[in-house]
Amino acid sequence: MTILYVQHDYAVFGFGETRKEAIEMATQWLKDETGKQGCSVEYAESLLVASPKPGQMTLYKTDETIPADAENWGGEELLDWYYDVA
């Protein structure tokens, strides 16, 4: 299973086999309240919504295992992979 932390219809900011892993990866790329890159897990979780509109953060889930080379992919490429397997 793969969990993706996604800015809906835009790009993936984090991924992992668990919700925790996906959120932790996303904290490296998200900006905090002050605009500085990198944020807390709590802040990343606070951005998540269940029924996202374009631009909002949410989690996508798939039973597929993300390819080993995905760490070298960009956020848009990861989202394309998700749409291909979902």
PDB file of N, CA and C in Angstrom:
ATOM      1  N   MET A   1       0.841  -1.170   0.000  1.00  0.00           N
ATOM      2  CA  MET A   1       0.000   0.000   0.000  1.00  0.00           C
ATOM      3  C   MET A   1       0.890   1.237   0.000  1.00  0.00           C
ATOM      4  N   THR A   2       0.418   2.278  -0.650  1.00  0.00           N
ATOM      5  CA  THR A   2       1.127   3.548  -0.681  1.00  0.00           C
ATOM      6  C   THR A   2       0.160   4.660  -0.295  1.00  0.00           C
ATOM      7  N   ILE A   3       0.618   5.533   0.570  1.00  0.00           N
ATOM      8  CA  ILE A   3      -0.124   6.728   0.965  1.00  0.00           C
ATOM      9  C   ILE A   3       0.623   7.924   0.397  1.00  0.00           C
ATOM     10  N   LEU A   4      -0.105   8.808  -0.284  1.00  0.00           N
ATOM     11  CA  LEU A   4       0.494  10.003  -0.853  1.00  0.00           C
ATOM     12  C   LEU A   4      -0.085  11.238  -0.167  1.00  0.00           C
ATOM     13  N   TYR A   5       0.766  12.165   0.248  1.00  0.00           N
ATOM     14  CA  TYR A   5       0.344  13.461   0.778  1.00  0.00           C
ATOM     15  C   TYR A   5       0.328  14.398  -0.421  1.00  0.00           C
ATOM     16  N   VAL A   6      -0.868  14.860  -0.793  1.00  0.00           N
ATOM     17  CA  VAL A   6      -1.058  15.515  -2.089  1.00  0.00           C
ATOM     18  C   VAL A   6      -1.691  16.892  -1.947  1.00  0.00           C
ATOM     19  N   GLN A   7      -1.192  17.818  -2.758  1.00  0.00           N
ATOM     20  CA  GLN A   7      -1.943  19.044  -2.985  1.00  0.00           C
ATOM     21  C   GLN A   7      -2.867  18.687  -4.136  1.00  0.00           C
ATOM     22  N   HIS A   8      -4.151  18.559  -3.838  1.00  0.00           N
ATOM     23  CA  HIS A   8      -5.152  17.991  -4.740  1.00  0.00           C
ATOM     24  C   HIS A   8      -5.029  18.547  -6.165  1.00  0.00           C
ATOM     25  N   ASP A   9      -4.953  17.641  -7.112  1.00  0.00           N
ATOM     26  CA  ASP A   9      -4.857  17.961  -8.542  1.00  0.00           C
ATOM     27  C   ASP A   9      -3.628  18.776  -8.913  1.00  0.00           C
ATOM     28  N   TYR A  10      -2.583  18.724  -8.079  1.00  0.00           N
ATOM     29  CA  TYR A  10      -1.389  19.498  -8.409  1.00  0.00           C
ATOM     30  C   TYR A  10      -0.114  18.666  -8.316  1.00  0.00           C
ATOM     31  N   ALA A  11       0.236  18.207  -7.104  1.00  0.00           N
ATOM     32  CA  ALA A  11       1.499  17.486  -6.942  1.00  0.00           C
ATOM     33  C   ALA A  11       1.529  16.743  -5.612  1.00  0.00           C
ATOM     34  N   VAL A  12       2.430  15.779  -5.541  1.00  0.00           N
ATOM     35  CA  VAL A  12       2.653  14.998  -4.328  1.00  0.00           C
ATOM     36  C   VAL A  12       3.782  15.648  -3.535  1.00  0.00           C
ATOM     37  N   PHE A  13       3.583  15.799  -2.235  1.00  0.00           N
ATOM     38  CA  PHE A  13       4.596  16.372  -1.359  1.00  0.00           C
ATOM     39  C   PHE A  13       5.263  15.322  -0.485  1.00  0.00           C
ATOM     40  N   GLY A  14       4.635  14.162  -0.337  1.00  0.00           N
ATOM     41  CA  GLY A  14       5.219  13.109   0.469  1.00  0.00           C
ATOM     42  C   GLY A  14       4.523  11.793   0.200  1.00  0.00           C
ATOM     43  N   PHE A  15       5.230  10.703   0.479  1.00  0.00           N
ATOM     44  CA  PHE A  15       4.628   9.386   0.300  1.00  0.00           C
ATOM     45  C   PHE A  15       5.269   8.398   1.251  1.00  0.00           C
ATOM     46  N   GLY A  16       4.615   7.289   1.459  1.00  0.00           N
ATOM     47  CA  GLY A  16       5.146   6.230   2.297  1.00  0.00           C
ATOM     48  C   GLY A  16       4.174   5.084   2.378  1.00  0.00           C
ATOM     49  N   GLU A  17       4.555   4.066   3.109  1.00  0.00           N
ATOM     50  CA  GLU A  17       3.680   2.915   3.286  1.00  0.00           C
ATOM     51  C   GLU A  17       2.627   3.183   4.359  1.00  0.00           C
ATOM     52  N   THR A  18       2.848   4.234   5.150  1.00  0.00           N
ATOM     53  CA  THR A  18       1.894   4.596   6.195  1.00  0.00           C
ATOM     54  C   THR A  18       1.586   6.089   6.110  1.00  0.00           C
ATOM     55  N   ARG A  19       0.488   6.465   6.753  1.00  0.00           N
ATOM     56  CA  ARG A  19       0.108   7.877   6.836  1.00  0.00           C
ATOM     57  C   ARG A  19       1.248   8.680   7.469  1.00  0.00           C
ATOM     58  N   LYS A  20       1.813   8.143   8.544  1.00  0.00           N
ATOM     59  CA  LYS A  20       2.880   8.825   9.275  1.00  0.00           C
ATOM     60  C   LYS A  20       4.078   9.095   8.367  1.00  0.00           C
ATOM     61  N   GLU A  21       4.501   8.091   7.596  1.00  0.00           N
ATOM     62  CA  GLU A  21       5.643   8.269   6.692  1.00  0.00           C
ATOM     63  C   GLU A  21       5.364   9.346   5.646  1.00  0.00           C
ATOM     64  N   ALA A  22       4.169   9.335   5.076  1.00  0.00           N
ATOM     65  CA  ALA A  22       3.815  10.313   4.049  1.00  0.00           C
ATOM     66  C   ALA A  22       3.824  11.729   4.615  1.00  0.00           C
ATOM     67  N   ILE A  23       3.265  11.897   5.799  1.00  0.00           N
ATOM     68  CA  ILE A  23       3.224  13.219   6.423  1.00  0.00           C
ATOM     69  C   ILE A  23       4.625  13.679   6.805  1.00  0.00           C
ATOM     70  N   GLU A  24       5.429  12.779   7.358  1.00  0.00           N
ATOM     71  CA  GLU A  24       6.796  13.153   7.727  1.00  0.00           C
ATOM     72  C   GLU A  24       7.606  13.606   6.511  1.00  0.00           C
ATOM     73  N   MET A  25       7.436  12.940   5.380  1.00  0.00           N
ATOM     74  CA  MET A  25       8.149  13.361   4.169  1.00  0.00           C
ATOM     75  C   MET A  25       7.644  14.728   3.715  1.00  0.00           C
ATOM     76  N   ALA A  26       6.346  14.936   3.793  1.00  0.00           N
ATOM     77  CA  ALA A  26       5.765  16.206   3.345  1.00  0.00           C
ATOM     78  C   ALA A  26       6.273  17.386   4.171  1.00  0.00           C
ATOM     79  N   THR A  27       6.578  17.156   5.441  1.00  0.00           N
ATOM     80  CA  THR A  27       7.041  18.264   6.289  1.00  0.00           C
ATOM     81  C   THR A  27       8.333  18.886   5.769  1.00  0.00           C
ATOM     82  N   GLN A  28       9.105  18.131   5.018  1.00  0.00           N
ATOM     83  CA  GLN A  28      10.356  18.653   4.458  1.00  0.00           C
ATOM     84  C   GLN A  28      10.103  19.661   3.343  1.00  0.00           C
ATOM     85  N   TRP A  29       8.966  19.516   2.643  1.00  0.00           N
ATOM     86  CA  TRP A  29       8.694  20.320   1.452  1.00  0.00           C
ATOM     87  C   TRP A  29       7.672  21.424   1.672  1.00  0.00           C
ATOM     88  N   LEU A  30       6.810  21.251   2.660  1.00  0.00           N
ATOM     89  CA  LEU A  30       5.789  22.262   2.927  1.00  0.00           C
ATOM     90  C   LEU A  30       6.406  23.484   3.592  1.00  0.00           C
ATOM     91  N   LYS A  31       5.764  24.622   3.419  1.00  0.00           N
ATOM     92  CA  LYS A  31       6.190  25.842   4.102  1.00  0.00           C
ATOM     93  C   LYS A  31       5.342  26.017   5.354  1.00  0.00           C
ATOM     94  N   ASP A  32       5.964  26.525   6.414  1.00  0.00           N
ATOM     95  CA  ASP A  32       5.228  26.741   7.657  1.00  0.00           C
ATOM     96  C   ASP A  32       4.425  28.040   7.590  1.00  0.00           C
ATOM     97  N   GLU A  33       3.837  28.423   8.709  1.00  0.00           N
ATOM     98  CA  GLU A  33       2.988  29.614   8.762  1.00  0.00           C
ATOM     99  C   GLU A  33       3.724  30.891   8.389  1.00  0.00           C
ATOM    100  N   THR A  34       5.046  30.900   8.556  1.00  0.00           N
ATOM    101  CA  THR A  34       5.838  32.093   8.261  1.00  0.00           C
ATOM    102  C   THR A  34       6.384  32.099   6.837  1.00  0.00           C
ATOM    103  N   GLY A  35       6.161  31.016   6.102  1.00  0.00           N
ATOM    104  CA  GLY A  35       6.667  30.926   4.738  1.00  0.00           C
ATOM    105  C   GLY A  35       8.007  30.233   4.617  1.00  0.00           C
ATOM    106  N   LYS A  36       8.561  29.780   5.743  1.00  0.00           N
ATOM    107  CA  LYS A  36       9.846  29.078   5.739  1.00  0.00           C
ATOM    108  C   LYS A  36       9.625  27.624   5.340  1.00  0.00           C
ATOM    109  N   GLN A  37      10.493  27.097   4.475  1.00  0.00           N
ATOM    110  CA  GLN A  37      10.357  25.704   4.062  1.00  0.00           C
ATOM    111  C   GLN A  37      10.656  24.786   5.227  1.00  0.00           C
ATOM    112  N   GLY A  38       9.804  23.762   5.371  1.00  0.00           N
ATOM    113  CA  GLY A  38       9.902  22.829   6.479  1.00  0.00           C
ATOM    114  C   GLY A  38       8.872  23.204   7.530  1.00  0.00           C
ATOM    115  N   CYS A  39       8.130  22.227   7.999  1.00  0.00           N
ATOM    116  CA  CYS A  39       7.106  22.507   8.998  1.00  0.00           C
ATOM    117  C   CYS A  39       6.984  21.324   9.943  1.00  0.00           C
ATOM    118  N   SER A  40       6.194  21.496  10.965  1.00  0.00           N
ATOM    119  CA  SER A  40       5.979  20.429  11.943  1.00  0.00           C
ATOM    120  C   SER A  40       4.971  19.414  11.416  1.00  0.00           C
ATOM    121  N   VAL A  41       5.002  18.227  11.981  1.00  0.00           N
ATOM    122  CA  VAL A  41       4.019  17.191  11.642  1.00  0.00           C
ATOM    123  C   VAL A  41       2.616  17.698  11.972  1.00  0.00           C
ATOM    124  N   GLU A  42       2.483  18.375  13.095  1.00  0.00           N
ATOM    125  CA  GLU A  42       1.174  18.892  13.508  1.00  0.00           C
ATOM    126  C   GLU A  42       0.627  19.881  12.485  1.00  0.00           C
ATOM    127  N   TYR A  43       1.487  20.756  11.975  1.00  0.00           N
ATOM    128  CA  TYR A  43       1.045  21.726  10.975  1.00  0.00           C
ATOM    129  C   TYR A  43       0.652  21.016   9.680  1.00  0.00           C
ATOM    130  N   ALA A  44       1.462  20.054   9.245  1.00  0.00           N
ATOM    131  CA  ALA A  44       1.141  19.302   8.019  1.00  0.00           C
ATOM    132  C   ALA A  44      -0.195  18.587   8.164  1.00  0.00           C
ATOM    133  N   GLU A  45      -0.448  17.990   9.343  1.00  0.00           N
ATOM    134  CA  GLU A  45      -1.726  17.317   9.575  1.00  0.00           C
ATOM    135  C   GLU A  45      -2.881  18.304   9.577  1.00  0.00           C
ATOM    136  N   SER A  46      -2.653  19.517  10.064  1.00  0.00           N
ATOM    137  CA  SER A  46      -3.728  20.511  10.133  1.00  0.00           C
ATOM    138  C   SER A  46      -4.176  20.978   8.754  1.00  0.00           C
ATOM    139  N   LEU A  47      -3.337  20.806   7.737  1.00  0.00           N
ATOM    140  CA  LEU A  47      -3.681  21.222   6.377  1.00  0.00           C
ATOM    141  C   LEU A  47      -4.566  20.208   5.644  1.00  0.00           C
ATOM    142  N   LEU A  48      -4.624  18.980   6.158  1.00  0.00           N
ATOM    143  CA  LEU A  48      -5.353  17.911   5.467  1.00  0.00           C
ATOM    144  C   LEU A  48      -6.860  18.092   5.566  1.00  0.00           C
ATOM    145  N   VAL A  49      -7.548  17.861   4.448  1.00  0.00           N
ATOM    146  CA  VAL A  49      -9.007  17.880   4.404  1.00  0.00           C
ATOM    147  C   VAL A  49      -9.491  16.592   3.752  1.00  0.00           C
ATOM    148  N   ALA A  50     -10.698  16.165   4.100  1.00  0.00           N
ATOM    149  CA  ALA A  50     -11.244  14.910   3.581  1.00  0.00           C
ATOM    150  C   ALA A  50     -11.802  15.058   2.168  1.00  0.00           C
ATOM    151  N   SER A  51     -12.412  16.185   1.870  1.00  0.00           N
ATOM    152  CA  SER A  51     -13.004  16.425   0.549  1.00  0.00           C
ATOM    153  C   SER A  51     -12.339  17.660  -0.050  1.00  0.00           C
ATOM    154  N   PRO A  52     -11.176  17.470  -0.653  1.00  0.00           N
ATOM    155  CA  PRO A  52     -10.388  18.624  -1.098  1.00  0.00           C
ATOM    156  C   PRO A  52     -10.932  19.307  -2.351  1.00  0.00           C
ATOM    157  N   LYS A  53     -10.692  20.597  -2.385  1.00  0.00           N
ATOM    158  CA  LYS A  53     -10.886  21.400  -3.590  1.00  0.00           C
ATOM    159  C   LYS A  53      -9.486  21.580  -4.177  1.00  0.00           C
ATOM    160  N   PRO A  54      -9.370  21.937  -5.455  1.00  0.00           N
ATOM    161  CA  PRO A  54      -8.043  22.127  -6.028  1.00  0.00           C
ATOM    162  C   PRO A  54      -7.171  23.025  -5.143  1.00  0.00           C
ATOM    163  N   GLY A  55      -5.947  22.573  -4.920  1.00  0.00           N
ATOM    164  CA  GLY A  55      -4.997  23.328  -4.116  1.00  0.00           C
ATOM    165  C   GLY A  55      -4.955  22.933  -2.650  1.00  0.00           C
ATOM    166  N   GLN A  56      -5.982  22.242  -2.150  1.00  0.00           N
ATOM    167  CA  GLN A  56      -5.986  21.827  -0.749  1.00  0.00           C
ATOM    168  C   GLN A  56      -5.230  20.515  -0.581  1.00  0.00           C
ATOM    169  N   MET A  57      -4.763  20.278   0.629  1.00  0.00           N
ATOM    170  CA  MET A  57      -3.984  19.085   0.923  1.00  0.00           C
ATOM    171  C   MET A  57      -4.891  17.934   1.369  1.00  0.00           C
ATOM    172  N   THR A  58      -4.546  16.734   0.910  1.00  0.00           N
ATOM    173  CA  THR A  58      -5.296  15.536   1.275  1.00  0.00           C
ATOM    174  C   THR A  58      -4.376  14.327   1.151  1.00  0.00           C
ATOM    175  N   LEU A  59      -4.887  13.176   1.528  1.00  0.00           N
ATOM    176  CA  LEU A  59      -4.142  11.930   1.374  1.00  0.00           C
ATOM    177  C   LEU A  59      -4.816  11.080   0.315  1.00  0.00           C
ATOM    178  N   TYR A  60      -4.031  10.539  -0.591  1.00  0.00           N
ATOM    179  CA  TYR A  60      -4.505   9.568  -1.575  1.00  0.00           C
ATOM    180  C   TYR A  60      -3.940   8.217  -1.155  1.00  0.00           C
ATOM    181  N   LYS A  61      -4.716   7.175  -1.333  1.00  0.00           N
ATOM    182  CA  LYS A  61      -4.273   5.824  -0.966  1.00  0.00           C
ATOM    183  C   LYS A  61      -4.432   4.896  -2.159  1.00  0.00           C
ATOM    184  N   THR A  62      -3.493   3.984  -2.305  1.00  0.00           N
ATOM    185  CA  THR A  62      -3.571   2.955  -3.334  1.00  0.00           C
ATOM    186  C   THR A  62      -2.976   1.670  -2.779  1.00  0.00           C
ATOM    187  N   ASP A  63      -3.478   0.545  -3.240  1.00  0.00           N
ATOM    188  CA  ASP A  63      -2.930  -0.745  -2.830  1.00  0.00           C
ATOM    189  C   ASP A  63      -1.611  -1.046  -3.523  1.00  0.00           C
ATOM    190  N   GLU A  64      -1.278  -0.265  -4.539  1.00  0.00           N
ATOM    191  CA  GLU A  64      -0.032  -0.462  -5.279  1.00  0.00           C
ATOM    192  C   GLU A  64       1.166  -0.026  -4.446  1.00  0.00           C
ATOM    193  N   THR A  65       2.287  -0.693  -4.636  1.00  0.00           N
ATOM    194  CA  THR A  65       3.544  -0.301  -4.005  1.00  0.00           C
ATOM    195  C   THR A  65       4.241   0.688  -4.924  1.00  0.00           C
ATOM    196  N   ILE A  66       4.676   1.763  -4.363  1.00  0.00           N
ATOM    197  CA  ILE A  66       5.333   2.796  -5.174  1.00  0.00           C
ATOM    198  C   ILE A  66       6.667   2.249  -5.693  1.00  0.00           C
ATOM    199  N   PRO A  67       7.026   2.530  -6.928  1.00  0.00           N
ATOM    200  CA  PRO A  67       8.282   2.031  -7.490  1.00  0.00           C
ATOM    201  C   PRO A  67       9.499   2.512  -6.704  1.00  0.00           C
ATOM    202  N   ALA A  68      10.526   1.684  -6.689  1.00  0.00           N
ATOM    203  CA  ALA A  68      11.739   1.985  -5.923  1.00  0.00           C
ATOM    204  C   ALA A  68      12.398   3.294  -6.357  1.00  0.00           C
ATOM    205  N   ASP A  69      12.318   3.626  -7.630  1.00  0.00           N
ATOM    206  CA  ASP A  69      12.977   4.847  -8.106  1.00  0.00           C
ATOM    207  C   ASP A  69      12.122   6.098  -7.933  1.00  0.00           C
ATOM    208  N   ALA A  70      10.972   5.983  -7.283  1.00  0.00           N
ATOM    209  CA  ALA A  70      10.064   7.117  -7.127  1.00  0.00           C
ATOM    210  C   ALA A  70      10.669   8.256  -6.307  1.00  0.00           C
ATOM    211  N   GLU A  71      11.649   7.949  -5.465  1.00  0.00           N
ATOM    212  CA  GLU A  71      12.277   9.016  -4.682  1.00  0.00           C
ATOM    213  C   GLU A  71      12.980  10.030  -5.578  1.00  0.00           C
ATOM    214  N   ASN A  72      13.248   9.651  -6.812  1.00  0.00           N
ATOM    215  CA  ASN A  72      13.901  10.553  -7.760  1.00  0.00           C
ATOM    216  C   ASN A  72      12.898  11.291  -8.643  1.00  0.00           C
ATOM    217  N   TRP A  73      11.623  11.015  -8.458  1.00  0.00           N
ATOM    218  CA  TRP A  73      10.586  11.653  -9.269  1.00  0.00           C
ATOM    219  C   TRP A  73      10.172  12.981  -8.663  1.00  0.00           C
ATOM    220  N   GLY A  74       9.660  13.847  -9.505  1.00  0.00           N
ATOM    221  CA  GLY A  74       9.084  15.099  -9.027  1.00  0.00           C
ATOM    222  C   GLY A  74       7.644  14.872  -8.572  1.00  0.00           C
ATOM    223  N   GLY A  75       7.083  15.869  -7.921  1.00  0.00           N
ATOM    224  CA  GLY A  75       5.731  15.771  -7.388  1.00  0.00           C
ATOM    225  C   GLY A  75       4.658  15.542  -8.432  1.00  0.00           C
ATOM    226  N   GLU A  76       4.799  16.166  -9.591  1.00  0.00           N
ATOM    227  CA  GLU A  76       3.808  15.974 -10.655  1.00  0.00           C
ATOM    228  C   GLU A  76       3.912  14.571 -11.237  1.00  0.00           C
ATOM    229  N   GLU A  77       5.127  14.066 -11.375  1.00  0.00           N
ATOM    230  CA  GLU A  77       5.345  12.716 -11.894  1.00  0.00           C
ATOM    231  C   GLU A  77       4.743  11.670 -10.950  1.00  0.00           C
ATOM    232  N   LEU A  78       4.894  11.887  -9.645  1.00  0.00           N
ATOM    233  CA  LEU A  78       4.291  10.985  -8.662  1.00  0.00           C
ATOM    234  C   LEU A  78       2.772  10.986  -8.779  1.00  0.00           C
ATOM    235  N   LEU A  79       2.187  12.159  -8.992  1.00  0.00           N
ATOM    236  CA  LEU A  79       0.734  12.241  -9.140  1.00  0.00           C
ATOM    237  C   LEU A  79       0.286  11.525 -10.410  1.00  0.00           C
ATOM    238  N   ASP A  80       1.036  11.650 -11.483  1.00  0.00           N
ATOM    239  CA  ASP A  80       0.718  10.913 -12.716  1.00  0.00           C
ATOM    240  C   ASP A  80       0.753   9.414 -12.472  1.00  0.00           C
ATOM    241  N   TRP A  81       1.744   8.938 -11.717  1.00  0.00           N
ATOM    242  CA  TRP A  81       1.826   7.513 -11.391  1.00  0.00           C
ATOM    243  C   TRP A  81       0.577   7.080 -10.639  1.00  0.00           C
ATOM    244  N   TYR A  82       0.155   7.881  -9.663  1.00  0.00           N
ATOM    245  CA  TYR A  82      -1.044   7.549  -8.888  1.00  0.00           C
ATOM    246  C   TYR A  82      -2.259   7.412  -9.806  1.00  0.00           C
ATOM    247  N   TYR A  83      -2.452   8.377 -10.695  1.00  0.00           N
ATOM    248  CA  TYR A  83      -3.620   8.324 -11.590  1.00  0.00           C
ATOM    249  C   TYR A  83      -3.549   7.106 -12.519  1.00  0.00           C
ATOM    250  N   ASP A  84      -2.354   6.689 -12.881  1.00  0.00           N
ATOM    251  CA  ASP A  84      -2.205   5.511 -13.736  1.00  0.00           C
ATOM    252  C   ASP A  84      -2.591   4.222 -13.020  1.00  0.00           C
ATOM    253  N   VAL A  85      -2.319   4.140 -11.712  1.00  0.00           N
ATOM    254  CA  VAL A  85      -2.583   2.888 -10.988  1.00  0.00           C
ATOM    255  C   VAL A  85      -3.900   2.887 -10.212  1.00  0.00           C
ATOM    256  N   ALA A  86      -4.455   4.054  -9.977  1.00  0.00           N
ATOM    257  CA  ALA A  86      -5.681   4.132  -9.153  1.00  0.00           C
ATOM    258  C   ALA A  86      -6.929   3.769  -9.945  1.00  0.00           C
TER     259      ALA A  86
END
